[in-house]
C-alpha atoms as a PDB file:
ATOM      1  CA  MET A   1     -47.581 -30.776  -0.100  1.00  0.00           C
ATOM      2  CA  ALA A   2     -46.408 -28.341   2.578  1.00  0.00           C
ATOM      3  CA  MET A   3     -42.893 -28.529   1.169  1.00  0.00           C
ATOM      4  CA  GLN A   4     -44.208 -27.804  -2.328  1.00  0.00           C
ATOM      5  CA  ARG A   5     -46.123 -24.747  -1.099  1.00  0.00           C
ATOM      6  CA  SER A   6     -42.976 -23.526   0.690  1.00  0.00           C
ATOM      7  CA  SER A   7     -40.894 -23.914  -2.465  1.00  0.00           C
ATOM      8  CA  LEU A   8     -43.509 -22.077  -4.539  1.00  0.00           C
ATOM      9  CA  GLY A   9     -43.604 -19.283  -1.979  1.00  0.00           C
ATOM     10  CA  LEU A  10     -39.830 -18.913  -2.073  1.00  0.00           C
ATOM     11  CA  LEU A  11     -39.864 -18.835  -5.877  1.00  0.00           C
ATOM     12  CA  ALA A  12     -42.520 -16.124  -5.859  1.00  0.00           C
ATOM     13  CA  LEU A  13     -40.426 -14.076  -3.439  1.00  0.00           C
ATOM     14  CA  VAL A  14     -37.326 -14.362  -5.612  1.00  0.00           C
ATOM     15  CA  LEU A  15     -39.269 -13.384  -8.737  1.00  0.00           C
ATOM     16  CA  ALA A  16     -40.676 -10.359  -6.925  1.00  0.00           C
ATOM     17  CA  LEU A  17     -37.222  -8.997  -6.076  1.00  0.00           C
ATOM     18  CA  PRO A  18     -35.908  -6.234  -8.344  1.00  0.00           C
ATOM     19  CA  PRO A  19     -33.212  -7.382 -10.794  1.00  0.00           C
ATOM     20  CA  VAL A  20     -29.603  -6.806  -9.786  1.00  0.00           C
ATOM     21  CA  VAL A  21     -28.159  -4.197 -12.103  1.00  0.00           C
ATOM     22  CA  THR A  22     -24.371  -4.033 -12.466  1.00  0.00           C
ATOM     23  CA  ARG A  23     -23.448  -0.517 -13.439  1.00  0.00           C
ATOM     24  CA  ALA A  24     -21.014  -0.383 -16.351  1.00  0.00           C
ATOM     25  CA  ALA A  25     -17.906   1.712 -15.984  1.00  0.00           C
ATOM     26  CA  ASP A  26     -17.868   5.023 -17.845  1.00  0.00           C
ATOM     27  CA  CYS A  27     -14.394   4.607 -19.292  1.00  0.00           C
ATOM     28  CA  GLY A  28     -14.833   7.534 -21.693  1.00  0.00           C
ATOM     29  CA  SER A  29     -15.648  10.101 -19.015  1.00  0.00           C
ATOM     30  CA  MET A  30     -13.307  12.885 -17.993  1.00  0.00           C
ATOM     31  CA  ALA A  31     -11.579  12.672 -14.618  1.00  0.00           C
ATOM     32  CA  SER A  32     -13.919  13.811 -11.853  1.00  0.00           C
ATOM     33  CA  PRO A  33     -14.761  12.941  -8.236  1.00  0.00           C
ATOM     34  CA  GLN A  34     -16.820   9.796  -7.599  1.00  0.00           C
ATOM     35  CA  LEU A  35     -16.510   8.577 -11.204  1.00  0.00           C
ATOM     36  CA  ASP A  36     -16.529   4.906 -12.134  1.00  0.00           C
ATOM     37  CA  TRP A  37     -13.462   3.784 -14.082  1.00  0.00           C
ATOM     38  CA  HIS A  38     -13.331   0.271 -12.694  1.00  0.00           C
ATOM     39  CA  GLU A  39     -11.377  -2.099 -14.946  1.00  0.00           C
ATOM     40  CA  CYS A  40     -10.852   0.657 -17.521  1.00  0.00           C
ATOM     41  CA  THR A  41      -7.586   1.056 -19.436  1.00  0.00           C
ATOM     42  CA  LYS A  42      -5.916   4.370 -18.611  1.00  0.00           C
ATOM     43  CA  LYS A  43      -2.342   3.541 -19.613  1.00  0.00           C
ATOM     44  CA  ASN A  44       0.403   6.052 -20.435  1.00  0.00           C
ATOM     45  CA  LEU A  45      -1.746   9.135 -19.846  1.00  0.00           C
ATOM     46  CA  MET A  46      -1.004  12.580 -18.403  1.00  0.00           C
ATOM     47  CA  LEU A  47      -3.455  12.947 -15.529  1.00  0.00           C
ATOM     48  CA  GLN A  48      -1.469  15.244 -13.258  1.00  0.00           C
ATOM     49  CA  GLY A  49      -3.590  17.074 -10.733  1.00  0.00           C
ATOM     50  CA  SER A  50      -6.769  15.188 -11.644  1.00  0.00           C
ATOM     51  CA  ASP A  51      -9.539  15.144  -9.040  1.00  0.00           C
ATOM     52  CA  LEU A  52     -10.526  11.498  -8.563  1.00  0.00           C
ATOM     53  CA  GLU A  53     -11.642  11.720  -4.950  1.00  0.00           C
ATOM     54  CA  GLY A  54     -13.846   8.790  -3.968  1.00  0.00           C
ATOM     55  CA  ALA A  55     -13.617   7.273  -7.458  1.00  0.00           C
ATOM     56  CA  ASN A  56     -14.146   3.589  -8.232  1.00  0.00           C
ATOM     57  CA  LEU A  57     -10.800   2.598  -9.765  1.00  0.00           C
ATOM     58  CA  VAL A  58     -10.906  -1.102  -8.954  1.00  0.00           C
ATOM     59  CA  GLY A  59      -8.793  -3.028 -11.443  1.00  0.00           C
ATOM     60  CA  THR A  60      -8.037   0.060 -13.544  1.00  0.00           C
ATOM     61  CA  ASP A  61      -4.841  -0.103 -15.622  1.00  0.00           C
ATOM     62  CA  PHE A  62      -2.751   3.037 -14.946  1.00  0.00           C
ATOM     63  CA  SER A  63       0.559   1.587 -16.190  1.00  0.00           C
ATOM     64  CA  LEU A  64       3.047   4.382 -17.009  1.00  0.00           C
ATOM     65  CA  THR A  65       0.395   7.023 -16.256  1.00  0.00           C
ATOM     66  CA  ASP A  66       1.354  10.301 -14.586  1.00  0.00           C
ATOM     67  CA  LEU A  67      -0.981  11.016 -11.663  1.00  0.00           C
ATOM     68  CA  ALA A  68       1.404  13.399  -9.919  1.00  0.00           C
ATOM     69  CA  GLY A  69      -0.459  15.764  -7.635  1.00  0.00           C
ATOM     70  CA  ALA A  70      -3.772  14.006  -8.241  1.00  0.00           C
ATOM     71  CA  ASN A  71      -6.500  13.813  -5.613  1.00  0.00           C
ATOM     72  CA  VAL A  72      -7.398  10.174  -4.953  1.00  0.00           C
ATOM     73  CA  LYS A  73      -8.600  10.621  -1.374  1.00  0.00           C
ATOM     74  CA  SER A  74     -10.848   7.727  -0.334  1.00  0.00           C
ATOM     75  CA  ALA A  75     -10.673   6.309  -3.867  1.00  0.00           C
ATOM     76  CA  ASN A  76     -10.819   2.546  -4.303  1.00  0.00           C
ATOM     77  CA  LEU A  77      -7.850   1.364  -6.382  1.00  0.00           C
ATOM     78  CA  GLU A  78      -7.934  -2.262  -5.249  1.00  0.00           C
ATOM     79  CA  LYS A  79      -6.198  -4.554  -7.775  1.00  0.00           C
ATOM     80  CA  ALA A  80      -5.352  -1.582 -10.021  1.00  0.00           C
ATOM     81  CA  THR A  81      -2.219  -1.763 -12.176  1.00  0.00           C
ATOM     82  CA  LEU A  82       0.203   1.093 -11.485  1.00  0.00           C
ATOM     83  CA  VAL A  83       3.417  -0.339 -12.928  1.00  0.00           C
ATOM     84  CA  ARG A  84       5.925   2.499 -13.400  1.00  0.00           C
ATOM     85  CA  ALA A  85       3.158   5.008 -12.731  1.00  0.00           C
ATOM     86  CA  SER A  86       3.663   8.217 -10.748  1.00  0.00           C
ATOM     87  CA  LEU A  87       1.539   9.421  -7.852  1.00  0.00           C
ATOM     88  CA  GLU A  88       4.240  11.793  -6.686  1.00  0.00           C
ATOM     89  CA  GLY A  89       2.806  14.467  -4.414  1.00  0.00           C
ATOM     90  CA  ALA A  90      -0.701  13.027  -4.734  1.00  0.00           C
ATOM     91  CA  HIS A  91      -3.354  13.291  -2.017  1.00  0.00           C
ATOM     92  CA  ALA A  92      -4.442   9.775  -1.121  1.00  0.00           C
ATOM     93  CA  GLU A  93      -5.632   9.950   2.470  1.00  0.00           C
ATOM     94  CA  GLY A  94      -7.794   6.927   3.228  1.00  0.00           C
ATOM     95  CA  ALA A  95      -7.376   5.488  -0.274  1.00  0.00           C
ATOM     96  CA  ASN A  96      -7.494   1.752  -0.892  1.00  0.00           C
ATOM     97  CA  PHE A  97      -4.404   0.502  -2.753  1.00  0.00           C
ATOM     98  CA  ALA A  98      -4.861  -3.102  -1.608  1.00  0.00           C
ATOM     99  CA  LYS A  99      -3.472  -5.726  -3.993  1.00  0.00           C
ATOM    100  CA  ILE A 100      -2.258  -3.189  -6.567  1.00  0.00           C
ATOM    101  CA  GLU A 101       0.624  -3.986  -8.930  1.00  0.00           C
ATOM    102  CA  ALA A 102       3.035  -1.077  -8.685  1.00  0.00           C
ATOM    103  CA  TYR A 103       6.550  -2.223  -9.531  1.00  0.00           C
ATOM    104  CA  ARG A 104       9.003   0.695  -9.814  1.00  0.00           C
ATOM    105  CA  SER A 105       6.231   3.231  -9.248  1.00  0.00           C
ATOM    106  CA  SER A 106       6.700   6.574  -7.531  1.00  0.00           C
ATOM    107  CA  PHE A 107       4.726   7.490  -4.436  1.00  0.00           C
ATOM    108  CA  ALA A 108       7.297  10.104  -3.439  1.00  0.00           C
ATOM    109  CA  ASN A 109       5.892  12.847  -1.210  1.00  0.00           C
ATOM    110  CA  ILE A 110       2.408  11.325  -1.374  1.00  0.00           C
ATOM    111  CA  ALA A 111       0.001  12.191   1.452  1.00  0.00           C
ATOM    112  CA  ALA A 112      -1.518   8.791   2.225  1.00  0.00           C
ATOM    113  CA  GLU A 113      -2.288   8.772   5.923  1.00  0.00           C
ATOM    114  CA  GLY A 114      -4.550   5.862   6.769  1.00  0.00           C
ATOM    115  CA  ALA A 115      -4.302   4.366   3.287  1.00  0.00           C
ATOM    116  CA  SER A 116      -4.197   0.612   2.720  1.00  0.00           C
ATOM    117  CA  PHE A 117      -1.466  -1.022   0.648  1.00  0.00           C
ATOM    118  CA  ALA A 118      -2.289  -4.468   2.031  1.00  0.00           C
ATOM    119  CA  GLY A 119      -1.186  -7.296  -0.216  1.00  0.00           C
ATOM    120  CA  ALA A 120       0.225  -4.853  -2.777  1.00  0.00           C
ATOM    121  CA  GLU A 121       3.114  -5.592  -5.171  1.00  0.00           C
ATOM    122  CA  LEU A 122       5.457  -2.666  -4.495  1.00  0.00           C
ATOM    123  CA  GLN A 123       8.915  -3.922  -5.423  1.00  0.00           C
ATOM    124  CA  ARG A 124      11.364  -1.012  -5.948  1.00  0.00           C
ATOM    125  CA  ALA A 125       8.587   1.523  -5.308  1.00  0.00           C
ATOM    126  CA  ASN A 126       9.666   4.993  -4.216  1.00  0.00           C
ATOM    127  CA  PHE A 127       8.030   6.288  -1.026  1.00  0.00           C
ATOM    128  CA  ALA A 128      10.638   8.975  -0.300  1.00  0.00           C
ATOM    129  CA  GLY A 129       9.141  11.797   1.750  1.00  0.00           C
ATOM    130  CA  ALA A 130       5.732  10.115   1.853  1.00  0.00           C
ATOM    131  CA  GLN A 131       3.278  10.830   4.663  1.00  0.00           C
ATOM    132  CA  LEU A 132       2.140   7.331   5.647  1.00  0.00           C
ATOM    133  CA  ALA A 133       1.007   7.604   9.265  1.00  0.00           C
ATOM    134  CA  GLY A 134      -1.370   4.774  10.065  1.00  0.00           C
ATOM    135  CA  ALA A 135      -0.976   3.203   6.626  1.00  0.00           C
ATOM    136  CA  SER A 136      -1.203  -0.566   6.239  1.00  0.00           C
ATOM    137  CA  PHE A 137       1.415  -2.539   4.318  1.00  0.00           C
ATOM    138  CA  GLU A 138       0.309  -5.876   5.721  1.00  0.00           C
ATOM    139  CA  LYS A 139       1.340  -8.796   3.478  1.00  0.00           C
ATOM    140  CA  ALA A 140       2.747  -6.337   0.908  1.00  0.00           C
ATOM    141  CA  GLU A 141       5.743  -7.119  -1.304  1.00  0.00           C
ATOM    142  CA  LEU A 142       8.212  -4.290  -0.636  1.00  0.00           C
ATOM    143  CA  GLY A 143      11.508  -5.651  -1.921  1.00  0.00           C
ATOM    144  CA  ARG A 144      13.988  -2.765  -2.384  1.00  0.00           C
ATOM    145  CA  ALA A 145      11.298  -0.153  -1.703  1.00  0.00           C
ATOM    146  CA  ASP A 146      12.687   3.241  -0.646  1.00  0.00           C
ATOM    147  CA  PHE A 147      11.203   4.988   2.412  1.00  0.00           C
ATOM    148  CA  ASP A 148      13.805   7.756   2.766  1.00  0.00           C
ATOM    149  CA  LYS A 149      12.401  10.553   4.962  1.00  0.00           C
ATOM    150  CA  ALA A 150       8.947   8.936   4.941  1.00  0.00           C
ATOM    151  CA  VAL A 151       6.729   9.340   8.012  1.00  0.00           C
ATOM    152  CA  LEU A 152       5.647   5.849   9.095  1.00  0.00           C
ATOM    153  CA  THR A 153       4.111   6.631  12.466  1.00  0.00           C
ATOM    154  CA  GLY A 154       1.887   3.714  13.428  1.00  0.00           C
ATOM    155  CA  ALA A 155       2.331   2.004  10.046  1.00  0.00           C
ATOM    156  CA  LYS A 156       1.651  -1.730   9.858  1.00  0.00           C
ATOM    157  CA  PHE A 157       4.140  -4.080   8.159  1.00  0.00           C
ATOM    158  CA  SER A 158       2.796  -7.347   9.552  1.00  0.00           C
ATOM    159  CA  PHE A 159       3.684 -10.301   7.286  1.00  0.00           C
ATOM    160  CA  ALA A 160       5.218  -7.903   4.709  1.00  0.00           C
ATOM    161  CA  ASN A 161       8.256  -8.797   2.624  1.00  0.00           C
ATOM    162  CA  LEU A 162      10.769  -6.017   3.326  1.00  0.00           C
ATOM    163  CA  SER A 163      13.763  -7.686   1.682  1.00  0.00           C
ATOM    164  CA  ARG A 164      16.423  -5.036   0.955  1.00  0.00           C
ATOM    165  CA  ALA A 165      13.894  -2.246   1.570  1.00  0.00           C
ATOM    166  CA  ASP A 166      15.424   0.974   2.894  1.00  0.00           C
ATOM    167  CA  LEU A 167      13.746   2.306   6.046  1.00  0.00           C
ATOM    168  CA  SER A 168      16.872   3.974   7.389  1.00  0.00           C
ATOM    169  CA  GLY A 169      15.760   7.563   6.789  1.00  0.00           C
ATOM    170  CA  ALA A 170      12.154   7.091   7.886  1.00  0.00           C
ATOM    171  CA  THR A 171      10.415   8.464  10.978  1.00  0.00           C
ATOM    172  CA  PHE A 172       8.553   6.223  13.443  1.00  0.00           C
ATOM    173  CA  GLU A 173       7.011   8.434  16.142  1.00  0.00           C
ATOM    174  CA  THR A 174       4.715   5.783  17.609  1.00  0.00           C
ATOM    175  CA  THR A 175       4.499   2.025  17.526  1.00  0.00           C
ATOM    176  CA  PRO A 176       5.004   0.476  14.067  1.00  0.00           C
ATOM    177  CA  MET A 177       3.986  -3.161  13.583  1.00  0.00           C
ATOM    178  CA  PHE A 178       6.488  -5.696  12.213  1.00  0.00           C
ATOM    179  CA  ASP A 179       4.850  -8.954  13.269  1.00  0.00           C
ATOM    180  CA  ARG A 180       6.184 -11.795  11.049  1.00  0.00           C
ATOM    181  CA  ALA A 181       7.672  -9.318   8.540  1.00  0.00           C
ATOM    182  CA  PHE A 182      10.509 -10.780   6.436  1.00  0.00           C
ATOM    183  CA  MET A 183      13.465  -8.417   6.883  1.00  0.00           C
ATOM    184  CA  PHE A 184      16.318  -9.880   4.846  1.00  0.00           C
ATOM    185  CA  LEU A 185      18.911  -7.079   4.531  1.00  0.00           C
ATOM    186  CA  THR A 186      16.279  -4.458   5.379  1.00  0.00           C
ATOM    187  CA  ARG A 187      18.124  -1.187   6.048  1.00  0.00           C
ATOM    188  CA  ILE A 188      17.261   0.066   9.535  1.00  0.00           C
ATOM    189  CA  GLU A 189      20.396   2.097  10.276  1.00  0.00           C
ATOM    190  CA  GLY A 190      19.801   4.952  12.691  1.00  0.00           C
ATOM    191  CA  LEU A 191      16.207   4.020  13.430  1.00  0.00           C
ATOM    192  CA  ASP A 192      14.642   4.143  16.863  1.00  0.00           C
ATOM    193  CA  LEU A 193      12.672   0.895  16.905  1.00  0.00           C
ATOM    194  CA  SER A 194      12.567   0.621  20.673  1.00  0.00           C
ATOM    195  CA  ALA A 195       8.761   0.883  20.634  1.00  0.00           C
ATOM    196  CA  ALA A 196       8.239  -1.345  17.575  1.00  0.00           C
ATOM    197  CA  ALA A 197       5.785  -4.198  18.037  1.00  0.00           C
ATOM    198  CA  GLY A 198       6.236  -7.735  16.757  1.00  0.00           C
ATOM    199  CA  LEU A 199       9.993  -7.611  16.214  1.00  0.00           C
ATOM    200  CA  GLU A 200      11.902 -10.781  17.039  1.00  0.00           C
ATOM    201  CA  GLN A 201      15.606 -11.542  17.215  1.00  0.00           C
ATOM    202  CA  ALA A 202      15.482 -13.640  14.029  1.00  0.00           C
ATOM    203  CA  GLN A 203      14.252 -10.610  12.077  1.00  0.00           C
ATOM    204  CA  ILE A 204      16.940  -8.368  13.525  1.00  0.00           C
ATOM    205  CA  ASP A 205      19.619 -10.949  12.694  1.00  0.00           C
ATOM    206  CA  LEU A 206      18.626 -10.717   9.019  1.00  0.00           C
ATOM    207  CA  ALA A 207      18.323  -6.917   8.914  1.00  0.00           C
ATOM    208  CA  CYS A 208      21.003  -4.240   8.500  1.00  0.00           C
ATOM    209  CA  GLY A 209      21.373  -1.797  11.371  1.00  0.00           C
ATOM    210  CA  ASP A 210      24.258   0.015  13.013  1.00  0.00           C
ATOM    211  CA  ALA A 211      25.400   1.306  16.396  1.00  0.00           C
ATOM    212  CA  SER A 212      22.726   4.032  16.364  1.00  0.00           C
ATOM    213  CA  THR A 213      19.818   1.631  15.751  1.00  0.00           C
ATOM    214  CA  LYS A 214      17.661   1.322  18.872  1.00  0.00           C
ATOM    215  CA  LEU A 215      16.004  -2.049  19.421  1.00  0.00           C
ATOM    216  CA  PRO A 216      13.128  -3.170  21.648  1.00  0.00           C
ATOM    217  CA  ALA A 217      14.055  -4.483  25.073  1.00  0.00           C
ATOM    218  CA  GLY A 218      15.334  -8.050  24.971  1.00  0.00           C
ATOM    219  CA  LEU A 219      16.764  -7.868  21.445  1.00  0.00           C
ATOM    220  CA  SER A 220      20.487  -7.624  20.827  1.00  0.00           C
ATOM    221  CA  VAL A 221      22.703  -6.172  18.113  1.00  0.00           C
ATOM    222  CA  PRO A 222      23.948  -8.898  15.713  1.00  0.00           C
ATOM    223  CA  SER A 223      27.668  -9.342  15.164  1.00  0.00           C
ATOM    224  CA  THR A 224      27.069  -8.873  11.405  1.00  0.00           C
ATOM    225  CA  TRP A 225      26.228  -5.179  11.826  1.00  0.00           C
ATOM    226  CA  PRO A 226      26.927  -2.878  10.104  1.00  0.00           C
ATOM    227  CA  CYS A 227      26.180  -4.444   6.725  1.00  0.00           C
ATOM    228  CA  PRO A 228      28.165  -3.472   3.616  1.00  0.00           C
ATOM    229  CA  ALA A 229      26.621  -0.863   1.345  1.00  0.00           C
ATOM    230  CA  ASP A 230      24.104  -2.126  -1.160  1.00  0.00           C
ATOM    231  CA  HIS A 231      25.126  -0.895  -4.596  1.00  0.00           C
ATOM    232  CA  ASP A 232      22.427  -2.659  -6.619  1.00  0.00           C
END
């Protein structure tokens, strides 16, 4: 009897709770801060300079869309599709790009300090000139990504796939993290990685450096350096 009363009391409590309302995305709205475009289709559009600061863009399809110069500061783009999209020169400080699909997309000259690209698909993405201090690329797929002249101070590449990625023109002013990163033919020529954390000899043996590459104490230059030029 006591158990029955307890069950009835619990049922009454559940029935008294307000219903959970899932807000529908306003896919027809114009670009504006804090909007909700989650899981909307925004493919092949011209959205240069749009102000989407703090917007909910989870799962949104931006394939082939031009977001150059847009403001996506603190926006949530988790699991968004950005295949061949452009965020060149965009402002994305603190944005969440976790688990996005962004093959061959351009993030050139983006300001994305503190942004998360964790678990993102970024093969052949262009990060040339990007400001990425404190950004996370943990577990990201970065095959053949280009980081020429990017600022990667304190960036995290733990468990990332950096196969054939080009870091050779990047800047690392403080400790970057490379714990368990896969660095097959990763271009690190001319880099000062003496303060890098997580680097092991097996990673260096796979990577492509040269006589000017500085390694952490205890790691040695492989006999295979320098690597031939990659023309693909």
